[in-house]
Amino acid sequence: MALPPLQPWRLVVGAFAGLSLILIVAAIEYELGWLHFVRIDTGMHRGPSKIRWAILALTPFLAVGLSEELGFRGYVFQTLAERMPVWVAALFMSIIFGLVHFSLRGFNVSFVVSVTAISLMFLSFRFATGSLWFAIGCHGAWDWTQTYLVGLSTTGAGYDPALIQIKQTGSALWVGSQMATESGVLFVLMTLCGLALALAYAAAAGRLPPLTQRLHA
């Protein structure tokens, strides 16, 4: 299922990539006047400071990245791809992954479509690097950054745990909703760029499986 023994370097580089992707989107929104800096909040939250909460949150967010990548880009994709063409398995797995998120508060149809594309991007990271460790780090840091660092997905939650407090004023078409920022066109475009680059790298490295064939068991 593309999960060899721990590869710390790929995990760390993947985490840096996930953090960078979210910060790039935030920077673009800021430059376009869609995102406004409010303040840096290091106050107390349920006892400890927000900084401590953010550090403590690294572990559960990494666990989410591990479980979802191993479950979907690992087991589900591998099982399907052994029985159908790789491209069909990739699309089917990603649609399932998107629908799983449909029941969460604040998420809508456009978010499901966006998450389907994000799932394909994470799968392309598996192809490009030959394992899930890069995608695990990227996934965990992606979620953590927009929750505890910049707060792109928490500004409408009532209480915002992010260290960097922001306000979004851009069109929902481009920046998404406050509870599901990935539903915006900007995130979709970034995801498609990441997907294309990862597939191109995988092809150049000879790691891209034939998309019209099945994977070997």
C-alpha atoms as a PDB file:
ATOM      1  CA  MET A   1       0.000   0.000   0.000  1.00  0.00           C
ATOM      2  CA  ALA A   2       3.011   2.273  -0.610  1.00  0.00           C
ATOM      3  CA  LEU A   3       3.851   2.586   3.084  1.00  0.00           C
ATOM      4  CA  PRO A   4       7.431   1.375   3.563  1.00  0.00           C
ATOM      5  CA  PRO A   5       9.272   1.919   6.880  1.00  0.00           C
ATOM      6  CA  LEU A   6       9.260   5.517   8.087  1.00  0.00           C
ATOM      7  CA  GLN A   7      10.977   7.961   5.735  1.00  0.00           C
ATOM      8  CA  PRO A   8      11.509  11.046   7.951  1.00  0.00           C
ATOM      9  CA  TRP A   9      12.956  13.210   5.181  1.00  0.00           C
ATOM     10  CA  ARG A  10       9.965  12.695   2.878  1.00  0.00           C
ATOM     11  CA  LEU A  11       7.594  13.258   5.796  1.00  0.00           C
ATOM     12  CA  VAL A  12       9.273  16.566   6.689  1.00  0.00           C
ATOM     13  CA  VAL A  13       9.517  17.782   3.084  1.00  0.00           C
ATOM     14  CA  GLY A  14       5.867  16.852   2.559  1.00  0.00           C
ATOM     15  CA  ALA A  15       4.892  18.806   5.660  1.00  0.00           C
ATOM     16  CA  PHE A  16       6.805  21.834   4.384  1.00  0.00           C
ATOM     17  CA  ALA A  17       4.998  21.517   1.049  1.00  0.00           C
ATOM     18  CA  GLY A  18       1.589  21.372   2.740  1.00  0.00           C
ATOM     19  CA  LEU A  19       2.361  24.419   4.869  1.00  0.00           C
ATOM     20  CA  SER A  20       3.727  26.298   1.859  1.00  0.00           C
ATOM     21  CA  LEU A  21       0.702  25.581  -0.336  1.00  0.00           C
ATOM     22  CA  ILE A  22      -1.703  27.038   2.234  1.00  0.00           C
ATOM     23  CA  LEU A  23       0.512  30.077   2.840  1.00  0.00           C
ATOM     24  CA  ILE A  24       0.786  30.695  -0.911  1.00  0.00           C
ATOM     25  CA  VAL A  25      -3.007  30.751  -1.202  1.00  0.00           C
ATOM     26  CA  ALA A  26      -3.231  33.104   1.801  1.00  0.00           C
ATOM     27  CA  ALA A  27      -0.592  35.394   0.258  1.00  0.00           C
ATOM     28  CA  ILE A  28      -2.425  35.503  -3.073  1.00  0.00           C
ATOM     29  CA  GLU A  29      -5.692  36.345  -1.324  1.00  0.00           C
ATOM     30  CA  TYR A  30      -3.913  39.070   0.655  1.00  0.00           C
ATOM     31  CA  GLU A  31      -2.362  40.630  -2.448  1.00  0.00           C
ATOM     32  CA  LEU A  32      -5.744  40.595  -4.205  1.00  0.00           C
ATOM     33  CA  GLY A  33      -7.429  42.276  -1.239  1.00  0.00           C
ATOM     34  CA  TRP A  34      -9.505  39.205  -0.380  1.00  0.00           C
ATOM     35  CA  LEU A  35      -7.778  38.520   2.940  1.00  0.00           C
ATOM     36  CA  HIS A  36      -7.068  41.042   5.679  1.00  0.00           C
ATOM     37  CA  PHE A  37      -4.691  40.609   8.606  1.00  0.00           C
ATOM     38  CA  VAL A  38      -6.397  41.310  11.946  1.00  0.00           C
ATOM     39  CA  ARG A  39      -3.874  40.430  14.650  1.00  0.00           C
ATOM     40  CA  ILE A  40      -1.608  37.763  16.077  1.00  0.00           C
ATOM     41  CA  ASP A  41      -3.380  36.051  18.960  1.00  0.00           C
ATOM     42  CA  THR A  42      -1.206  34.146  21.451  1.00  0.00           C
ATOM     43  CA  GLY A  43      -3.757  34.365  24.271  1.00  0.00           C
ATOM     44  CA  MET A  44      -4.989  31.610  26.536  1.00  0.00           C
ATOM     45  CA  HIS A  45      -7.342  28.867  25.371  1.00  0.00           C
ATOM     46  CA  ARG A  46      -8.816  26.496  27.969  1.00  0.00           C
ATOM     47  CA  GLY A  47      -5.766  27.013  30.165  1.00  0.00           C
ATOM     48  CA  PRO A  48      -2.666  26.760  27.964  1.00  0.00           C
ATOM     49  CA  SER A  49      -1.694  29.438  25.472  1.00  0.00           C
ATOM     50  CA  LYS A  50      -2.642  29.175  21.814  1.00  0.00           C
ATOM     51  CA  ILE A  51       0.989  28.507  20.961  1.00  0.00           C
ATOM     52  CA  ARG A  52       0.994  25.415  23.152  1.00  0.00           C
ATOM     53  CA  TRP A  53      -2.334  24.268  21.691  1.00  0.00           C
ATOM     54  CA  ALA A  54      -0.934  24.683  18.175  1.00  0.00           C
ATOM     55  CA  ILE A  55       2.125  22.574  19.069  1.00  0.00           C
ATOM     56  CA  LEU A  56       0.001  19.902  20.731  1.00  0.00           C
ATOM     57  CA  ALA A  57      -2.262  19.785  17.665  1.00  0.00           C
ATOM     58  CA  LEU A  58       0.615  18.697  15.432  1.00  0.00           C
ATOM     59  CA  THR A  59       0.270  15.071  16.588  1.00  0.00           C
ATOM     60  CA  PRO A  60      -3.471  14.566  15.930  1.00  0.00           C
ATOM     61  CA  PHE A  61      -3.235  16.361  12.580  1.00  0.00           C
ATOM     62  CA  LEU A  62      -0.361  14.099  11.574  1.00  0.00           C
ATOM     63  CA  ALA A  63      -2.491  11.137  12.684  1.00  0.00           C
ATOM     64  CA  VAL A  64      -5.313  12.333  10.420  1.00  0.00           C
ATOM     65  CA  GLY A  65      -2.875  12.591   7.522  1.00  0.00           C
ATOM     66  CA  LEU A  66      -1.583   9.087   8.235  1.00  0.00           C
ATOM     67  CA  SER A  67      -5.001   7.471   8.581  1.00  0.00           C
ATOM     68  CA  GLU A  68      -6.591   9.128   5.543  1.00  0.00           C
ATOM     69  CA  GLU A  69      -3.608   8.618   3.248  1.00  0.00           C
ATOM     70  CA  LEU A  70      -3.146   5.009   4.316  1.00  0.00           C
ATOM     71  CA  GLY A  71      -6.883   4.366   4.099  1.00  0.00           C
ATOM     72  CA  PHE A  72      -7.682   6.068   0.784  1.00  0.00           C
ATOM     73  CA  ARG A  73      -4.487   6.596  -1.252  1.00  0.00           C
ATOM     74  CA  GLY A  74      -3.183   3.342   0.221  1.00  0.00           C
ATOM     75  CA  TYR A  75      -5.718   0.561   0.811  1.00  0.00           C
ATOM     76  CA  VAL A  76      -8.762   1.770  -1.159  1.00  0.00           C
ATOM     77  CA  PHE A  77      -6.784   2.841  -4.218  1.00  0.00           C
ATOM     78  CA  GLN A  78      -4.563  -0.253  -4.192  1.00  0.00           C
ATOM     79  CA  THR A  79      -7.564  -2.582  -3.863  1.00  0.00           C
ATOM     80  CA  LEU A  80      -9.461  -0.892  -6.696  1.00  0.00           C
ATOM     81  CA  ALA A  81      -6.422  -0.524  -8.971  1.00  0.00           C
ATOM     82  CA  GLU A  82      -5.747  -4.257  -8.816  1.00  0.00           C
ATOM     83  CA  ARG A  83      -9.213  -4.810 -10.310  1.00  0.00           C
ATOM     84  CA  MET A  84      -9.645  -1.932 -12.779  1.00  0.00           C
ATOM     85  CA  PRO A  85      -7.529   0.552 -14.759  1.00  0.00           C
ATOM     86  CA  VAL A  86      -5.453   2.884 -12.604  1.00  0.00           C
ATOM     87  CA  TRP A  87      -7.212   6.038 -13.807  1.00  0.00           C
ATOM     88  CA  VAL A  88     -10.653   4.594 -13.011  1.00  0.00           C
ATOM     89  CA  ALA A  89      -9.486   3.471  -9.554  1.00  0.00           C
ATOM     90  CA  ALA A  90      -7.954   6.901  -8.887  1.00  0.00           C
ATOM     91  CA  LEU A  91     -11.141   8.727  -9.843  1.00  0.00           C
ATOM     92  CA  PHE A  92     -13.424   6.302  -7.988  1.00  0.00           C
ATOM     93  CA  MET A  93     -11.308   6.492  -4.812  1.00  0.00           C
ATOM     94  CA  SER A  94     -11.198  10.287  -4.943  1.00  0.00           C
ATOM     95  CA  ILE A  95     -14.964  10.577  -5.382  1.00  0.00           C
ATOM     96  CA  ILE A  96     -15.448   8.344  -2.342  1.00  0.00           C
ATOM     97  CA  PHE A  97     -12.987  10.502  -0.399  1.00  0.00           C
ATOM     98  CA  GLY A  98     -14.883  13.637  -1.400  1.00  0.00           C
ATOM     99  CA  LEU A  99     -18.270  12.185  -0.440  1.00  0.00           C
ATOM    100  CA  VAL A 100     -16.948  11.189   2.983  1.00  0.00           C
ATOM    101  CA  HIS A 101     -16.442  14.909   3.668  1.00  0.00           C
ATOM    102  CA  PHE A 102     -19.923  15.859   2.484  1.00  0.00           C
ATOM    103  CA  SER A 103     -21.514  15.264   5.891  1.00  0.00           C
ATOM    104  CA  LEU A 104     -19.216  17.692   7.733  1.00  0.00           C
ATOM    105  CA  ARG A 105     -20.603  21.040   8.884  1.00  0.00           C
ATOM    106  CA  GLY A 106     -20.158  23.877   6.433  1.00  0.00           C
ATOM    107  CA  PHE A 107     -19.180  21.667   3.512  1.00  0.00           C
ATOM    108  CA  ASN A 108     -21.162  21.680   0.267  1.00  0.00           C
ATOM    109  CA  VAL A 109     -21.143  20.234  -3.235  1.00  0.00           C
ATOM    110  CA  SER A 110     -18.381  22.534  -4.478  1.00  0.00           C
ATOM    111  CA  PHE A 111     -16.224  21.459  -1.531  1.00  0.00           C
ATOM    112  CA  VAL A 112     -16.738  17.791  -2.395  1.00  0.00           C
ATOM    113  CA  VAL A 113     -15.649  18.485  -5.987  1.00  0.00           C
ATOM    114  CA  SER A 114     -12.578  20.345  -4.738  1.00  0.00           C
ATOM    115  CA  VAL A 115     -11.656  17.610  -2.258  1.00  0.00           C
ATOM    116  CA  THR A 116     -11.932  15.054  -5.059  1.00  0.00           C
ATOM    117  CA  ALA A 117      -9.288  17.035  -6.967  1.00  0.00           C
ATOM    118  CA  ILE A 118      -7.152  17.341  -3.816  1.00  0.00           C
ATOM    119  CA  SER A 119      -7.348  13.562  -3.382  1.00  0.00           C
ATOM    120  CA  LEU A 120      -6.005  13.096  -6.911  1.00  0.00           C
ATOM    121  CA  MET A 121      -3.163  15.485  -6.069  1.00  0.00           C
ATOM    122  CA  PHE A 122      -2.240  13.518  -2.943  1.00  0.00           C
ATOM    123  CA  LEU A 123      -2.344  10.310  -4.990  1.00  0.00           C
ATOM    124  CA  SER A 124      -0.005  11.893  -7.535  1.00  0.00           C
ATOM    125  CA  PHE A 125       2.426  12.509  -4.661  1.00  0.00           C
ATOM    126  CA  ARG A 126       2.398   8.754  -4.034  1.00  0.00           C
ATOM    127  CA  PHE A 127       3.328   8.176  -7.679  1.00  0.00           C
ATOM    128  CA  ALA A 128       5.980  10.906  -7.696  1.00  0.00           C
ATOM    129  CA  THR A 129       7.779   9.803  -4.519  1.00  0.00           C
ATOM    130  CA  GLY A 130       7.064   6.065  -4.568  1.00  0.00           C
ATOM    131  CA  SER A 131       5.480   6.069  -1.102  1.00  0.00           C
ATOM    132  CA  LEU A 132       2.787   7.725   1.019  1.00  0.00           C
ATOM    133  CA  TRP A 133       5.133   9.495   3.445  1.00  0.00           C
ATOM    134  CA  PHE A 134       5.341  12.739   1.476  1.00  0.00           C
ATOM    135  CA  ALA A 135       1.540  12.850   1.117  1.00  0.00           C
ATOM    136  CA  ILE A 136       1.072  12.096   4.834  1.00  0.00           C
ATOM    137  CA  GLY A 137       3.245  15.046   5.826  1.00  0.00           C
ATOM    138  CA  CYS A 138       1.605  17.308   3.249  1.00  0.00           C
ATOM    139  CA  HIS A 139      -1.917  16.337   4.302  1.00  0.00           C
ATOM    140  CA  GLY A 140      -1.288  16.821   8.022  1.00  0.00           C
ATOM    141  CA  ALA A 141       0.471  20.179   7.589  1.00  0.00           C
ATOM    142  CA  TRP A 142      -2.183  21.340   5.086  1.00  0.00           C
ATOM    143  CA  ASP A 143      -4.970  20.853   7.645  1.00  0.00           C
ATOM    144  CA  TRP A 144      -2.931  22.156  10.591  1.00  0.00           C
ATOM    145  CA  THR A 145      -1.815  25.349   8.826  1.00  0.00           C
ATOM    146  CA  GLN A 146      -5.315  26.491   7.898  1.00  0.00           C
ATOM    147  CA  THR A 147      -6.641  25.692  11.377  1.00  0.00           C
ATOM    148  CA  TYR A 148      -3.942  26.713  13.844  1.00  0.00           C
ATOM    149  CA  LEU A 149      -1.617  29.026  11.919  1.00  0.00           C
ATOM    150  CA  VAL A 150      -3.578  31.186   9.455  1.00  0.00           C
ATOM    151  CA  GLY A 151      -7.162  30.136  10.185  1.00  0.00           C
ATOM    152  CA  LEU A 152      -8.512  30.026   6.644  1.00  0.00           C
ATOM    153  CA  SER A 153     -11.035  27.338   7.621  1.00  0.00           C
ATOM    154  CA  THR A 154     -11.927  28.530  11.124  1.00  0.00           C
ATOM    155  CA  THR A 155     -12.952  32.172  10.763  1.00  0.00           C
ATOM    156  CA  GLY A 156     -16.629  31.205  10.727  1.00  0.00           C
ATOM    157  CA  ALA A 157     -16.447  28.731  13.591  1.00  0.00           C
ATOM    158  CA  GLY A 158     -17.335  31.189  16.368  1.00  0.00           C
ATOM    159  CA  TYR A 159     -14.030  30.666  18.176  1.00  0.00           C
ATOM    160  CA  ASP A 160     -10.918  30.892  16.014  1.00  0.00           C
ATOM    161  CA  PRO A 161      -7.933  28.899  17.383  1.00  0.00           C
ATOM    162  CA  ALA A 162      -5.528  30.278  14.763  1.00  0.00           C
ATOM    163  CA  LEU A 163      -2.465  32.215  15.838  1.00  0.00           C
ATOM    164  CA  ILE A 164      -2.824  34.600  12.874  1.00  0.00           C
ATOM    165  CA  GLN A 165      -6.312  36.082  12.934  1.00  0.00           C
ATOM    166  CA  ILE A 166      -7.643  37.049   9.514  1.00  0.00           C
ATOM    167  CA  LYS A 167     -10.774  38.292   7.803  1.00  0.00           C
ATOM    168  CA  GLN A 168     -11.801  37.152   4.341  1.00  0.00           C
ATOM    169  CA  THR A 169     -13.827  39.507   2.126  1.00  0.00           C
ATOM    170  CA  GLY A 170     -13.327  37.922  -1.272  1.00  0.00           C
ATOM    171  CA  SER A 171     -16.099  36.315  -3.267  1.00  0.00           C
ATOM    172  CA  ALA A 172     -17.074  32.849  -2.049  1.00  0.00           C
ATOM    173  CA  LEU A 173     -16.603  31.695  -5.646  1.00  0.00           C
ATOM    174  CA  TRP A 174     -12.870  32.371  -5.300  1.00  0.00           C
ATOM    175  CA  VAL A 175     -12.076  31.967  -1.593  1.00  0.00           C
ATOM    176  CA  GLY A 176     -14.731  29.427  -0.616  1.00  0.00           C
ATOM    177  CA  SER A 177     -16.754  29.538   2.565  1.00  0.00           C
ATOM    178  CA  GLN A 178     -15.264  30.334   5.964  1.00  0.00           C
ATOM    179  CA  MET A 179     -15.748  26.729   7.094  1.00  0.00           C
ATOM    180  CA  ALA A 180     -14.635  25.121   3.814  1.00  0.00           C
ATOM    181  CA  THR A 181     -12.088  27.335   2.126  1.00  0.00           C
ATOM    182  CA  GLU A 182     -11.022  24.560  -0.271  1.00  0.00           C
ATOM    183  CA  SER A 183     -14.323  25.025  -2.126  1.00  0.00           C
ATOM    184  CA  GLY A 184     -12.995  28.232  -3.710  1.00  0.00           C
ATOM    185  CA  VAL A 185     -11.748  28.378  -7.296  1.00  0.00           C
ATOM    186  CA  LEU A 186      -8.339  29.576  -6.083  1.00  0.00           C
ATOM    187  CA  PHE A 187      -7.776  26.329  -4.167  1.00  0.00           C
ATOM    188  CA  VAL A 188      -8.955  24.265  -7.128  1.00  0.00           C
ATOM    189  CA  LEU A 189      -6.508  26.001  -9.487  1.00  0.00           C
ATOM    190  CA  MET A 190      -3.630  25.507  -7.035  1.00  0.00           C
ATOM    191  CA  THR A 191      -4.578  21.842  -6.648  1.00  0.00           C
ATOM    192  CA  LEU A 192      -4.634  21.268 -10.395  1.00  0.00           C
ATOM    193  CA  CYS A 193      -1.182  22.874 -10.693  1.00  0.00           C
ATOM    194  CA  GLY A 194       0.156  20.618  -7.932  1.00  0.00           C
ATOM    195  CA  LEU A 195      -1.427  17.582  -9.588  1.00  0.00           C
ATOM    196  CA  ALA A 196       0.087  18.393 -12.985  1.00  0.00           C
ATOM    197  CA  LEU A 197       3.572  19.017 -11.549  1.00  0.00           C
ATOM    198  CA  ALA A 198       3.540  15.819  -9.491  1.00  0.00           C
ATOM    199  CA  LEU A 199       2.371  13.701 -12.445  1.00  0.00           C
ATOM    200  CA  ALA A 200       5.023  15.260 -14.682  1.00  0.00           C
ATOM    201  CA  TYR A 201       7.710  14.514 -12.081  1.00  0.00           C
ATOM    202  CA  ALA A 202       6.433  10.945 -11.641  1.00  0.00           C
ATOM    203  CA  ALA A 203       6.545  10.398 -15.410  1.00  0.00           C
ATOM    204  CA  ALA A 204      10.059  11.850 -15.678  1.00  0.00           C
ATOM    205  CA  ALA A 205      11.242   9.644 -12.803  1.00  0.00           C
ATOM    206  CA  GLY A 206       9.676   6.558 -14.362  1.00  0.00           C
ATOM    207  CA  ARG A 207       7.320   6.054 -11.396  1.00  0.00           C
ATOM    208  CA  LEU A 208       4.007   6.778 -13.088  1.00  0.00           C
ATOM    209  CA  PRO A 209       2.104   3.504 -13.590  1.00  0.00           C
ATOM    210  CA  PRO A 210       0.321   2.910 -16.919  1.00  0.00           C
ATOM    211  CA  LEU A 211      -2.988   4.636 -16.286  1.00  0.00           C
ATOM    212  CA  THR A 212      -4.982   2.312 -18.538  1.00  0.00           C
ATOM    213  CA  GLN A 213      -3.689  -0.865 -16.881  1.00  0.00           C
ATOM    214  CA  ARG A 214      -4.179  -2.479 -13.487  1.00  0.00           C
ATOM    215  CA  LEU A 215      -1.639  -2.532 -10.678  1.00  0.00           C
ATOM    216  CA  HIS A 216      -0.039  -5.839  -9.812  1.00  0.00           C
ATOM    217  CA  ALA A 217      -1.178  -7.357  -6.508  1.00  0.00           C
END
